[in-house]
Structures are given as C-alpha cells and as structure tokens.
C-alpha cells in the first residue's frame, strides 16, 4: 500500500516503514506527527483519488538535519560588482509508521 501526501507544499509518495527527508517540520526527535492532506491512496489494487479520501499518514521524527551548502554568486562584468551568498536548507528526517 502506498499514498501520495502533501507535506509543506511538496508531494511525496510514501509507504509504511519508509524513511524520507521533507522540508522542515516543527518538532523534536521522537515526536509523532500526522499529515492529513492525502491526495491519492492505493491499497491492494484499489485506487482512491481526490476529496473522498479519509486517510491520514502517521510518522515519527527521526531527526532535524541541514542540506548541502548552496552558493549564490552574482557578478556584473567590468563593473566591480561581486556578491556571494550561501545557505543550507533545513530538512526533517521522518519515518512513516502507518497509513490509516
């Protein structure tokens, strides 16, 4: 069984006991979170799409991590303008405990 769920504006295909990185979700390691915006479910060949889905995704926060460093470098030639800016995006590592 799998489901497509919307987490923080992005869509993820999830299955039970799957571990994935999602955009930052507030909470500490070990906290339980629940996602209710399920777009599609498939269980034993039965496909459910749209507003008739009453499914929820329950997950556990495994940790809070940072992504790779991204450098934004801007330059205008012959003008002496150079600007360097970097950041690391925050992610949350979650483990899907059940699809109910």
PDB file of N, CA and C in Angstrom:
ATOM      1  N   UNK A   1       0.844  -1.172   0.000  1.00  0.00           N
ATOM      2  CA  UNK A   1       0.000   0.000   0.000  1.00  0.00           C
ATOM      3  C   UNK A   1       0.894   1.243   0.000  1.00  0.00           C
ATOM      4  N   UNK A   2       0.522   2.217  -0.809  1.00  0.00           N
ATOM      5  CA  UNK A   2       1.237   3.481  -0.816  1.00  0.00           C
ATOM      6  C   UNK A   2       0.236   4.621  -0.886  1.00  0.00           C
ATOM      7  N   UNK A   3       0.743   5.828  -0.617  1.00  0.00           N
ATOM      8  CA  UNK A   3      -0.089   7.024  -0.660  1.00  0.00           C
ATOM      9  C   UNK A   3       0.762   8.179  -1.165  1.00  0.00           C
ATOM     10  N   UNK A   4       0.103   9.152  -1.769  1.00  0.00           N
ATOM     11  CA  UNK A   4       0.753  10.392  -2.154  1.00  0.00           C
ATOM     12  C   UNK A   4       0.216  11.461  -1.219  1.00  0.00           C
ATOM     13  N   UNK A   5       1.119  12.076  -0.464  1.00  0.00           N
ATOM     14  CA  UNK A   5       0.727  13.034   0.562  1.00  0.00           C
ATOM     15  C   UNK A   5       1.429  14.366   0.314  1.00  0.00           C
ATOM     16  N   UNK A   6       0.762  15.456   0.673  1.00  0.00           N
ATOM     17  CA  UNK A   6       1.323  16.789   0.515  1.00  0.00           C
ATOM     18  C   UNK A   6       1.871  17.243   1.869  1.00  0.00           C
ATOM     19  N   UNK A   7       3.188  17.472   1.907  1.00  0.00           N
ATOM     20  CA  UNK A   7       3.858  17.899   3.132  1.00  0.00           C
ATOM     21  C   UNK A   7       4.599  19.191   2.833  1.00  0.00           C
ATOM     22  N   UNK A   8       4.229  20.256   3.511  1.00  0.00           N
ATOM     23  CA  UNK A   8       4.879  21.568   3.375  1.00  0.00           C
ATOM     24  C   UNK A   8       4.929  22.026   1.916  1.00  0.00           C
ATOM     25  N   UNK A   9       3.857  21.799   1.174  1.00  0.00           N
ATOM     26  CA  UNK A   9       3.764  22.270  -0.198  1.00  0.00           C
ATOM     27  C   UNK A   9       4.389  21.363  -1.238  1.00  0.00           C
ATOM     28  N   UNK A  10       4.959  20.233  -0.838  1.00  0.00           N
ATOM     29  CA  UNK A  10       5.547  19.299  -1.784  1.00  0.00           C
ATOM     30  C   UNK A  10       4.857  17.951  -1.669  1.00  0.00           C
ATOM     31  N   UNK A  11       4.792  17.219  -2.779  1.00  0.00           N
ATOM     32  CA  UNK A  11       4.140  15.916  -2.802  1.00  0.00           C
ATOM     33  C   UNK A  11       5.164  14.803  -2.677  1.00  0.00           C
ATOM     34  N   UNK A  12       4.837  13.807  -1.835  1.00  0.00           N
ATOM     35  CA  UNK A  12       5.722  12.675  -1.612  1.00  0.00           C
ATOM     36  C   UNK A  12       4.927  11.386  -1.728  1.00  0.00           C
ATOM     37  N   UNK A  13       5.521  10.374  -2.360  1.00  0.00           N
ATOM     38  CA  UNK A  13       4.941   9.036  -2.406  1.00  0.00           C
ATOM     39  C   UNK A  13       5.519   8.279  -1.207  1.00  0.00           C
ATOM     40  N   UNK A  14       4.652   7.819  -0.305  1.00  0.00           N
ATOM     41  CA  UNK A  14       5.117   7.196   0.933  1.00  0.00           C
ATOM     42  C   UNK A  14       4.547   5.791   1.085  1.00  0.00           C
ATOM     43  N   UNK A  15       5.304   4.949   1.790  1.00  0.00           N
ATOM     44  CA  UNK A  15       4.887   3.604   2.158  1.00  0.00           C
ATOM     45  C   UNK A  15       5.216   3.395   3.627  1.00  0.00           C
ATOM     46  N   UNK A  16       4.634   2.368   4.218  1.00  0.00           N
ATOM     47  CA  UNK A  16       4.886   2.059   5.624  1.00  0.00           C
ATOM     48  C   UNK A  16       6.361   1.727   5.820  1.00  0.00           C
ATOM     49  N   UNK A  17       6.927   2.192   6.931  1.00  0.00           N
ATOM     50  CA  UNK A  17       8.319   1.982   7.334  1.00  0.00           C
ATOM     51  C   UNK A  17       9.330   2.645   6.405  1.00  0.00           C
ATOM     52  N   UNK A  18       8.911   3.589   5.587  1.00  0.00           N
ATOM     53  CA  UNK A  18       9.817   4.314   4.704  1.00  0.00           C
ATOM     54  C   UNK A  18      10.397   5.512   5.458  1.00  0.00           C
ATOM     55  N   UNK A  19      11.671   5.811   5.203  1.00  0.00           N
ATOM     56  CA  UNK A  19      12.326   6.976   5.779  1.00  0.00           C
ATOM     57  C   UNK A  19      12.587   7.972   4.664  1.00  0.00           C
ATOM     58  N   UNK A  20      12.230   9.247   4.896  1.00  0.00           N
ATOM     59  CA  UNK A  20      12.455  10.257   3.874  1.00  0.00           C
ATOM     60  C   UNK A  20      12.730  11.609   4.496  1.00  0.00           C
ATOM     61  N   UNK A  21      13.330  12.489   3.697  1.00  0.00           N
ATOM     62  CA  UNK A  21      13.638  13.851   4.110  1.00  0.00           C
ATOM     63  C   UNK A  21      12.580  14.782   3.528  1.00  0.00           C
ATOM     64  N   UNK A  22      11.963  15.584   4.388  1.00  0.00           N
ATOM     65  CA  UNK A  22      10.933  16.529   3.969  1.00  0.00           C
ATOM     66  C   UNK A  22      11.357  17.924   4.424  1.00  0.00           C
ATOM     67  N   UNK A  23      10.785  18.987   3.834  1.00  0.00           N
ATOM     68  CA  UNK A  23      11.090  20.333   4.332  1.00  0.00           C
ATOM     69  C   UNK A  23      10.761  20.442   5.812  1.00  0.00           C
ATOM     70  N   UNK A  24      11.422  21.342   6.485  1.00  0.00           N
ATOM     71  CA  UNK A  24      11.381  21.449   7.943  1.00  0.00           C
ATOM     72  C   UNK A  24       9.963  21.352   8.526  1.00  0.00           C
ATOM     73  N   UNK A  25       9.803  20.427   9.457  1.00  0.00           N
ATOM     74  CA  UNK A  25       8.562  20.251  10.213  1.00  0.00           C
ATOM     75  C   UNK A  25       8.910  20.494  11.677  1.00  0.00           C
ATOM     76  N   UNK A  26       8.138  21.343  12.349  1.00  0.00           N
ATOM     77  CA  UNK A  26       8.428  21.662  13.748  1.00  0.00           C
ATOM     78  C   UNK A  26       8.250  20.432  14.621  1.00  0.00           C
ATOM     79  N   UNK A  27       9.177  20.236  15.531  1.00  0.00           N
ATOM     80  CA  UNK A  27       9.111  19.121  16.467  1.00  0.00           C
ATOM     81  C   UNK A  27      10.497  18.633  16.826  1.00  0.00           C
ATOM     82  N   UNK A  28      10.545  17.808  17.859  1.00  0.00           N
ATOM     83  CA  UNK A  28      11.808  17.254  18.328  1.00  0.00           C
ATOM     84  C   UNK A  28      11.929  15.798  17.902  1.00  0.00           C
ATOM     85  N   UNK A  29      13.121  15.252  18.037  1.00  0.00           N
ATOM     86  CA  UNK A  29      13.357  13.853  17.703  1.00  0.00           C
ATOM     87  C   UNK A  29      12.483  12.963  18.583  1.00  0.00           C
ATOM     88  N   UNK A  30      11.788  12.030  17.946  1.00  0.00           N
ATOM     89  CA  UNK A  30      10.901  11.117  18.664  1.00  0.00           C
ATOM     90  C   UNK A  30       9.443  11.540  18.691  1.00  0.00           C
ATOM     91  N   UNK A  31       9.154  12.779  18.307  1.00  0.00           N
ATOM     92  CA  UNK A  31       7.774  13.258  18.285  1.00  0.00           C
ATOM     93  C   UNK A  31       6.988  12.567  17.165  1.00  0.00           C
ATOM     94  N   UNK A  32       5.698  12.395  17.399  1.00  0.00           N
ATOM     95  CA  UNK A  32       4.804  11.825  16.391  1.00  0.00           C
ATOM     96  C   UNK A  32       4.114  12.977  15.665  1.00  0.00           C
ATOM     97  N   UNK A  33       4.055  12.887  14.337  1.00  0.00           N
ATOM     98  CA  UNK A  33       3.362  13.888  13.528  1.00  0.00           C
ATOM     99  C   UNK A  33       2.339  13.188  12.642  1.00  0.00           C
ATOM    100  N   UNK A  34       1.335  13.941  12.232  1.00  0.00           N
ATOM    101  CA  UNK A  34       0.269  13.377  11.407  1.00  0.00           C
ATOM    102  C   UNK A  34       0.017  14.310  10.233  1.00  0.00           C
ATOM    103  N   UNK A  35      -0.074  13.737   9.042  1.00  0.00           N
ATOM    104  CA  UNK A  35      -0.325  14.507   7.823  1.00  0.00           C
ATOM    105  C   UNK A  35      -1.683  14.094   7.277  1.00  0.00           C
ATOM    106  N   UNK A  36      -2.559  15.074   7.081  1.00  0.00           N
ATOM    107  CA  UNK A  36      -3.916  14.772   6.674  1.00  0.00           C
ATOM    108  C   UNK A  36      -4.236  15.068   5.220  1.00  0.00           C
ATOM    109  N   UNK A  37      -3.356  15.761   4.530  1.00  0.00           N
ATOM    110  CA  UNK A  37      -3.636  16.134   3.139  1.00  0.00           C
ATOM    111  C   UNK A  37      -3.125  15.043   2.192  1.00  0.00           C
ATOM    112  N   UNK A  38      -3.908  13.969   2.105  1.00  0.00           N
ATOM    113  CA  UNK A  38      -3.558  12.826   1.261  1.00  0.00           C
ATOM    114  C   UNK A  38      -4.248  12.999  -0.083  1.00  0.00           C
ATOM    115  N   UNK A  39      -3.482  12.913  -1.159  1.00  0.00           N
ATOM    116  CA  UNK A  39      -4.012  13.158  -2.495  1.00  0.00           C
ATOM    117  C   UNK A  39      -4.428  11.877  -3.209  1.00  0.00           C
ATOM    118  N   UNK A  40      -3.751  10.756  -2.898  1.00  0.00           N
ATOM    119  CA  UNK A  40      -4.012   9.502  -3.594  1.00  0.00           C
ATOM    120  C   UNK A  40      -3.613   8.344  -2.684  1.00  0.00           C
ATOM    121  N   UNK A  41      -4.403   7.274  -2.706  1.00  0.00           N
ATOM    122  CA  UNK A  41      -4.036   6.053  -1.987  1.00  0.00           C
ATOM    123  C   UNK A  41      -4.245   4.861  -2.898  1.00  0.00           C
ATOM    124  N   UNK A  42      -3.425   3.833  -2.678  1.00  0.00           N
ATOM    125  CA  UNK A  42      -3.554   2.593  -3.424  1.00  0.00           C
ATOM    126  C   UNK A  42      -3.367   1.452  -2.446  1.00  0.00           C
ATOM    127  N   UNK A  43      -4.419   0.667  -2.253  1.00  0.00           N
ATOM    128  CA  UNK A  43      -4.348  -0.463  -1.355  1.00  0.00           C
ATOM    129  C   UNK A  43      -4.919  -1.701  -2.013  1.00  0.00           C
ATOM    130  N   UNK A  44      -4.077  -2.690  -2.280  1.00  0.00           N
ATOM    131  CA  UNK A  44      -4.499  -3.956  -2.890  1.00  0.00           C
ATOM    132  C   UNK A  44      -5.188  -3.745  -4.240  1.00  0.00           C
ATOM    133  N   UNK A  45      -4.666  -2.832  -5.044  1.00  0.00           N
ATOM    134  CA  UNK A  45      -5.218  -2.590  -6.368  1.00  0.00           C
ATOM    135  C   UNK A  45      -6.395  -1.636  -6.405  1.00  0.00           C
ATOM    136  N   UNK A  46      -6.859  -1.161  -5.244  1.00  0.00           N
ATOM    137  CA  UNK A  46      -7.982  -0.227  -5.197  1.00  0.00           C
ATOM    138  C   UNK A  46      -7.421   1.192  -5.081  1.00  0.00           C
ATOM    139  N   UNK A  47      -7.665   1.997  -6.093  1.00  0.00           N
ATOM    140  CA  UNK A  47      -7.110   3.338  -6.171  1.00  0.00           C
ATOM    141  C   UNK A  47      -8.155   4.356  -5.747  1.00  0.00           C
ATOM    142  N   UNK A  48      -7.787   5.261  -4.830  1.00  0.00           N
ATOM    143  CA  UNK A  48      -8.673   6.345  -4.392  1.00  0.00           C
ATOM    144  C   UNK A  48      -7.980   7.668  -4.660  1.00  0.00           C
ATOM    145  N   UNK A  49      -8.699   8.573  -5.339  1.00  0.00           N
ATOM    146  CA  UNK A  49      -8.128   9.858  -5.715  1.00  0.00           C
ATOM    147  C   UNK A  49      -9.107  10.958  -5.341  1.00  0.00           C
ATOM    148  N   UNK A  50      -8.575  12.088  -4.892  1.00  0.00           N
ATOM    149  CA  UNK A  50      -9.394  13.272  -4.708  1.00  0.00           C
ATOM    150  C   UNK A  50      -9.969  13.441  -3.323  1.00  0.00           C
ATOM    151  N   UNK A  51     -11.114  14.120  -3.260  1.00  0.00           N
ATOM    152  CA  UNK A  51     -11.714  14.533  -1.998  1.00  0.00           C
ATOM    153  C   UNK A  51     -12.362  13.435  -1.182  1.00  0.00           C
ATOM    154  N   UNK A  52     -12.578  12.248  -1.742  1.00  0.00           N
ATOM    155  CA  UNK A  52     -13.247  11.183  -0.995  1.00  0.00           C
ATOM    156  C   UNK A  52     -12.290  10.401  -0.097  1.00  0.00           C
ATOM    157  N   UNK A  53     -11.032  10.823  -0.009  1.00  0.00           N
ATOM    158  CA  UNK A  53     -10.036  10.109   0.791  1.00  0.00           C
ATOM    159  C   UNK A  53     -10.116  10.572   2.243  1.00  0.00           C
ATOM    160  N   UNK A  54     -10.258   9.640   3.164  1.00  0.00           N
ATOM    161  CA  UNK A  54     -10.292   9.934   4.598  1.00  0.00           C
ATOM    162  C   UNK A  54      -9.062   9.345   5.286  1.00  0.00           C
ATOM    163  N   UNK A  55      -7.954   9.296   4.578  1.00  0.00           N
ATOM    164  CA  UNK A  55      -6.736   8.664   5.067  1.00  0.00           C
ATOM    165  C   UNK A  55      -5.843   9.685   5.754  1.00  0.00           C
ATOM    166  N   UNK A  56      -5.098   9.227   6.771  1.00  0.00           N
ATOM    167  CA  UNK A  56      -4.105  10.052   7.446  1.00  0.00           C
ATOM    168  C   UNK A  56      -2.793   9.290   7.472  1.00  0.00           C
ATOM    169  N   UNK A  57      -1.715  10.034   7.427  1.00  0.00           N
ATOM    170  CA  UNK A  57      -0.381   9.451   7.469  1.00  0.00           C
ATOM    171  C   UNK A  57       0.217   9.790   8.833  1.00  0.00           C
ATOM    172  N   UNK A  58       0.643   8.778   9.560  1.00  0.00           N
ATOM    173  CA  UNK A  58       1.289   8.998  10.854  1.00  0.00           C
ATOM    174  C   UNK A  58       2.772   8.695  10.705  1.00  0.00           C
ATOM    175  N   UNK A  59       3.584   9.587  11.254  1.00  0.00           N
ATOM    176  CA  UNK A  59       5.031   9.445  11.117  1.00  0.00           C
ATOM    177  C   UNK A  59       5.719   9.837  12.414  1.00  0.00           C
ATOM    178  N   UNK A  60       6.986   9.468  12.507  1.00  0.00           N
ATOM    179  CA  UNK A  60       7.813   9.796  13.662  1.00  0.00           C
ATOM    180  C   UNK A  60       9.017  10.588  13.167  1.00  0.00           C
ATOM    181  N   UNK A  61       9.355  11.656  13.892  1.00  0.00           N
ATOM    182  CA  UNK A  61      10.508  12.465  13.534  1.00  0.00           C
ATOM    183  C   UNK A  61      11.766  11.750  14.001  1.00  0.00           C
ATOM    184  N   UNK A  62      12.662  11.473  13.038  1.00  0.00           N
ATOM    185  CA  UNK A  62      13.918  10.789  13.352  1.00  0.00           C
ATOM    186  C   UNK A  62      15.001  11.811  13.681  1.00  0.00           C
ATOM    187  N   UNK A  63      14.982  12.960  13.018  1.00  0.00           N
ATOM    188  CA  UNK A  63      15.980  13.989  13.300  1.00  0.00           C
ATOM    189  C   UNK A  63      15.791  15.224  12.451  1.00  0.00           C
ATOM    190  N   UNK A  64      16.451  16.307  12.867  1.00  0.00           N
ATOM    191  CA  UNK A  64      16.460  17.555  12.120  1.00  0.00           C
ATOM    192  C   UNK A  64      17.855  17.695  11.513  1.00  0.00           C
ATOM    193  N   UNK A  65      17.950  17.884  10.207  1.00  0.00           N
ATOM    194  CA  UNK A  65      19.238  17.937   9.517  1.00  0.00           C
ATOM    195  C   UNK A  65      19.288  19.148   8.584  1.00  0.00           C
ATOM    196  N   UNK A  66      20.493  19.466   8.121  1.00  0.00           N
ATOM    197  CA  UNK A  66      20.687  20.521   7.135  1.00  0.00           C
ATOM    198  C   UNK A  66      21.136  19.895   5.827  1.00  0.00           C
ATOM    199  N   UNK A  67      20.725  20.483   4.726  1.00  0.00           N
ATOM    200  CA  UNK A  67      21.122  20.006   3.412  1.00  0.00           C
ATOM    201  C   UNK A  67      22.507  20.509   3.042  1.00  0.00           C
ATOM    202  N   UNK A  68      22.916  20.230   1.812  1.00  0.00           N
ATOM    203  CA  UNK A  68      24.206  20.683   1.320  1.00  0.00           C
ATOM    204  C   UNK A  68      24.210  22.202   1.172  1.00  0.00           C
ATOM    205  N   UNK A  69      25.401  22.778   1.270  1.00  0.00           N
ATOM    206  CA  UNK A  69      25.526  24.219   1.132  1.00  0.00           C
ATOM    207  C   UNK A  69      25.291  24.630  -0.322  1.00  0.00           C
ATOM    208  N   UNK A  70      24.485  25.672  -0.506  1.00  0.00           N
ATOM    209  CA  UNK A  70      24.183  26.216  -1.823  1.00  0.00           C
ATOM    210  C   UNK A  70      24.780  27.618  -1.880  1.00  0.00           C
ATOM    211  N   UNK A  71      25.580  27.860  -2.902  1.00  0.00           N
ATOM    212  CA  UNK A  71      26.226  29.159  -3.073  1.00  0.00           C
ATOM    213  C   UNK A  71      25.522  29.919  -4.188  1.00  0.00           C
ATOM    214  N   UNK A  72      25.105  31.154  -3.896  1.00  0.00           N
ATOM    215  CA  UNK A  72      24.538  32.042  -4.907  1.00  0.00           C
ATOM    216  C   UNK A  72      25.568  33.142  -5.150  1.00  0.00           C
ATOM    217  N   UNK A  73      26.145  33.154  -6.330  1.00  0.00           N
ATOM    218  CA  UNK A  73      27.182  34.125  -6.669  1.00  0.00           C
ATOM    219  C   UNK A  73      26.679  35.005  -7.802  1.00  0.00           C
ATOM    220  N   UNK A  74      26.702  36.327  -7.573  1.00  0.00           N
ATOM    221  CA  UNK A  74      26.264  37.273  -8.597  1.00  0.00           C
ATOM    222  C   UNK A  74      27.440  38.184  -8.949  1.00  0.00           C
ATOM    223  N   UNK A  75      27.546  38.467 -10.237  1.00  0.00           N
ATOM    224  CA  UNK A  75      28.650  39.307 -10.685  1.00  0.00           C
ATOM    225  C   UNK A  75      28.229  40.060 -11.941  1.00  0.00           C
ATOM    226  N   UNK A  76      28.642  41.323 -12.014  1.00  0.00           N
ATOM    227  CA  UNK A  76      28.438  42.103 -13.235  1.00  0.00           C
ATOM    228  C   UNK A  76      29.812  42.414 -13.801  1.00  0.00           C
ATOM    229  N   UNK A  77      30.050  41.950 -15.000  1.00  0.00           N
ATOM    230  CA  UNK A  77      31.380  42.100 -15.573  1.00  0.00           C
ATOM    231  C   UNK A  77      31.722  43.569 -15.823  1.00  0.00           C
ATOM    232  N   UNK A  78      32.973  43.853 -15.656  1.00  0.00           N
ATOM    233  CA  UNK A  78      33.545  45.188 -15.880  1.00  0.00           C
ATOM    234  C   UNK A  78      33.000  46.259 -14.942  1.00  0.00           C
ATOM    235  N   UNK A  79      32.235  45.904 -13.943  1.00  0.00           N
ATOM    236  CA  UNK A  79      31.663  46.890 -13.030  1.00  0.00           C
ATOM    237  C   UNK A  79      32.238  46.781 -11.618  1.00  0.00           C
ATOM    238  N   UNK A  80      32.919  45.707 -11.330  1.00  0.00           N
ATOM    239  CA  UNK A  80      33.463  45.516  -9.986  1.00  0.00           C
ATOM    240  C   UNK A  80      32.430  45.031  -8.983  1.00  0.00           C
ATOM    241  N   UNK A  81      31.265  44.613  -9.459  1.00  0.00           N
ATOM    242  CA  UNK A  81      30.200  44.147  -8.567  1.00  0.00           C
ATOM    243  C   UNK A  81      30.287  42.636  -8.403  1.00  0.00           C
ATOM    244  N   UNK A  82      30.479  42.206  -7.183  1.00  0.00           N
ATOM    245  CA  UNK A  82      30.511  40.770  -6.870  1.00  0.00           C
ATOM    246  C   UNK A  82      29.784  40.571  -5.549  1.00  0.00           C
ATOM    247  N   UNK A  83      28.924  39.574  -5.518  1.00  0.00           N
ATOM    248  CA  UNK A  83      28.143  39.303  -4.309  1.00  0.00           C
ATOM    249  C   UNK A  83      28.061  37.792  -4.134  1.00  0.00           C
ATOM    250  N   UNK A  84      28.439  37.309  -2.969  1.00  0.00           N
ATOM    251  CA  UNK A  84      28.429  35.881  -2.695  1.00  0.00           C
ATOM    252  C   UNK A  84      27.566  35.637  -1.468  1.00  0.00           C
ATOM    253  N   UNK A  85      26.617  34.725  -1.612  1.00  0.00           N
ATOM    254  CA  UNK A  85      25.672  34.418  -0.536  1.00  0.00           C
ATOM    255  C   UNK A  85      25.479  32.920  -0.507  1.00  0.00           C
ATOM    256  N   UNK A  86      25.486  32.330   0.683  1.00  0.00           N
ATOM    257  CA  UNK A  86      25.292  30.887   0.784  1.00  0.00           C
ATOM    258  C   UNK A  86      24.278  30.548   1.861  1.00  0.00           C
ATOM    259  N   UNK A  87      23.678  29.377   1.743  1.00  0.00           N
ATOM    260  CA  UNK A  87      22.731  28.924   2.763  1.00  0.00           C
ATOM    261  C   UNK A  87      22.653  27.409   2.756  1.00  0.00           C
ATOM    262  N   UNK A  88      22.144  26.863   3.845  1.00  0.00           N
ATOM    263  CA  UNK A  88      21.893  25.421   3.957  1.00  0.00           C
ATOM    264  C   UNK A  88      20.437  25.248   4.359  1.00  0.00           C
ATOM    265  N   UNK A  89      19.676  24.540   3.547  1.00  0.00           N
ATOM    266  CA  UNK A  89      18.253  24.343   3.790  1.00  0.00           C
ATOM    267  C   UNK A  89      18.041  23.330   4.906  1.00  0.00           C
ATOM    268  N   UNK A  90      17.069  23.592   5.770  1.00  0.00           N
ATOM    269  CA  UNK A  90      16.741  22.700   6.876  1.00  0.00           C
ATOM    270  C   UNK A  90      15.749  21.630   6.416  1.00  0.00           C
ATOM    271  N   UNK A  91      16.019  20.388   6.769  1.00  0.00           N
ATOM    272  CA  UNK A  91      15.145  19.266   6.455  1.00  0.00           C
ATOM    273  C   UNK A  91      14.824  18.499   7.727  1.00  0.00           C
ATOM    274  N   UNK A  92      13.726  17.760   7.683  1.00  0.00           N
ATOM    275  CA  UNK A  92      13.355  16.872   8.771  1.00  0.00           C
ATOM    276  C   UNK A  92      13.341  15.457   8.234  1.00  0.00           C
ATOM    277  N   UNK A  93      14.021  14.560   8.929  1.00  0.00           N
ATOM    278  CA  UNK A  93      14.028  13.152   8.550  1.00  0.00           C
ATOM    279  C   UNK A  93      12.898  12.474   9.316  1.00  0.00           C
ATOM    280  N   UNK A  94      11.950  11.873   8.563  1.00  0.00           N
ATOM    281  CA  UNK A  94      10.803  11.211   9.201  1.00  0.00           C
ATOM    282  C   UNK A  94      10.728   9.750   8.763  1.00  0.00           C
ATOM    283  N   UNK A  95      10.107   8.935   9.612  1.00  0.00           N
ATOM    284  CA  UNK A  95       9.851   7.538   9.290  1.00  0.00           C
ATOM    285  C   UNK A  95       8.327   7.344   9.334  1.00  0.00           C
ATOM    286  N   UNK A  96       7.772   6.843   8.246  1.00  0.00           N
ATOM    287  CA  UNK A  96       6.327   6.614   8.162  1.00  0.00           C
ATOM    288  C   UNK A  96       5.983   5.395   9.010  1.00  0.00           C
ATOM    289  N   UNK A  97       5.155   5.604  10.026  1.00  0.00           N
ATOM    290  CA  UNK A  97       4.802   4.482  10.909  1.00  0.00           C
ATOM    291  C   UNK A  97       3.549   3.754  10.442  1.00  0.00           C
ATOM    292  N   UNK A  98       2.559   4.495   9.930  1.00  0.00           N
ATOM    293  CA  UNK A  98       1.365   3.814   9.430  1.00  0.00           C
ATOM    294  C   UNK A  98       0.550   4.721   8.523  1.00  0.00           C
ATOM    295  N   UNK A  99      -0.252   4.076   7.678  1.00  0.00           N
ATOM    296  CA  UNK A  99      -1.199   4.771   6.802  1.00  0.00           C
ATOM    297  C   UNK A  99      -2.580   4.279   7.215  1.00  0.00           C
ATOM    298  N   UNK A 100      -3.378   5.176   7.797  1.00  0.00           N
ATOM    299  CA  UNK A 100      -4.708   4.773   8.299  1.00  0.00           C
ATOM    300  C   UNK A 100      -5.815   5.550   7.617  1.00  0.00           C
TER     301      UNK A 100
END
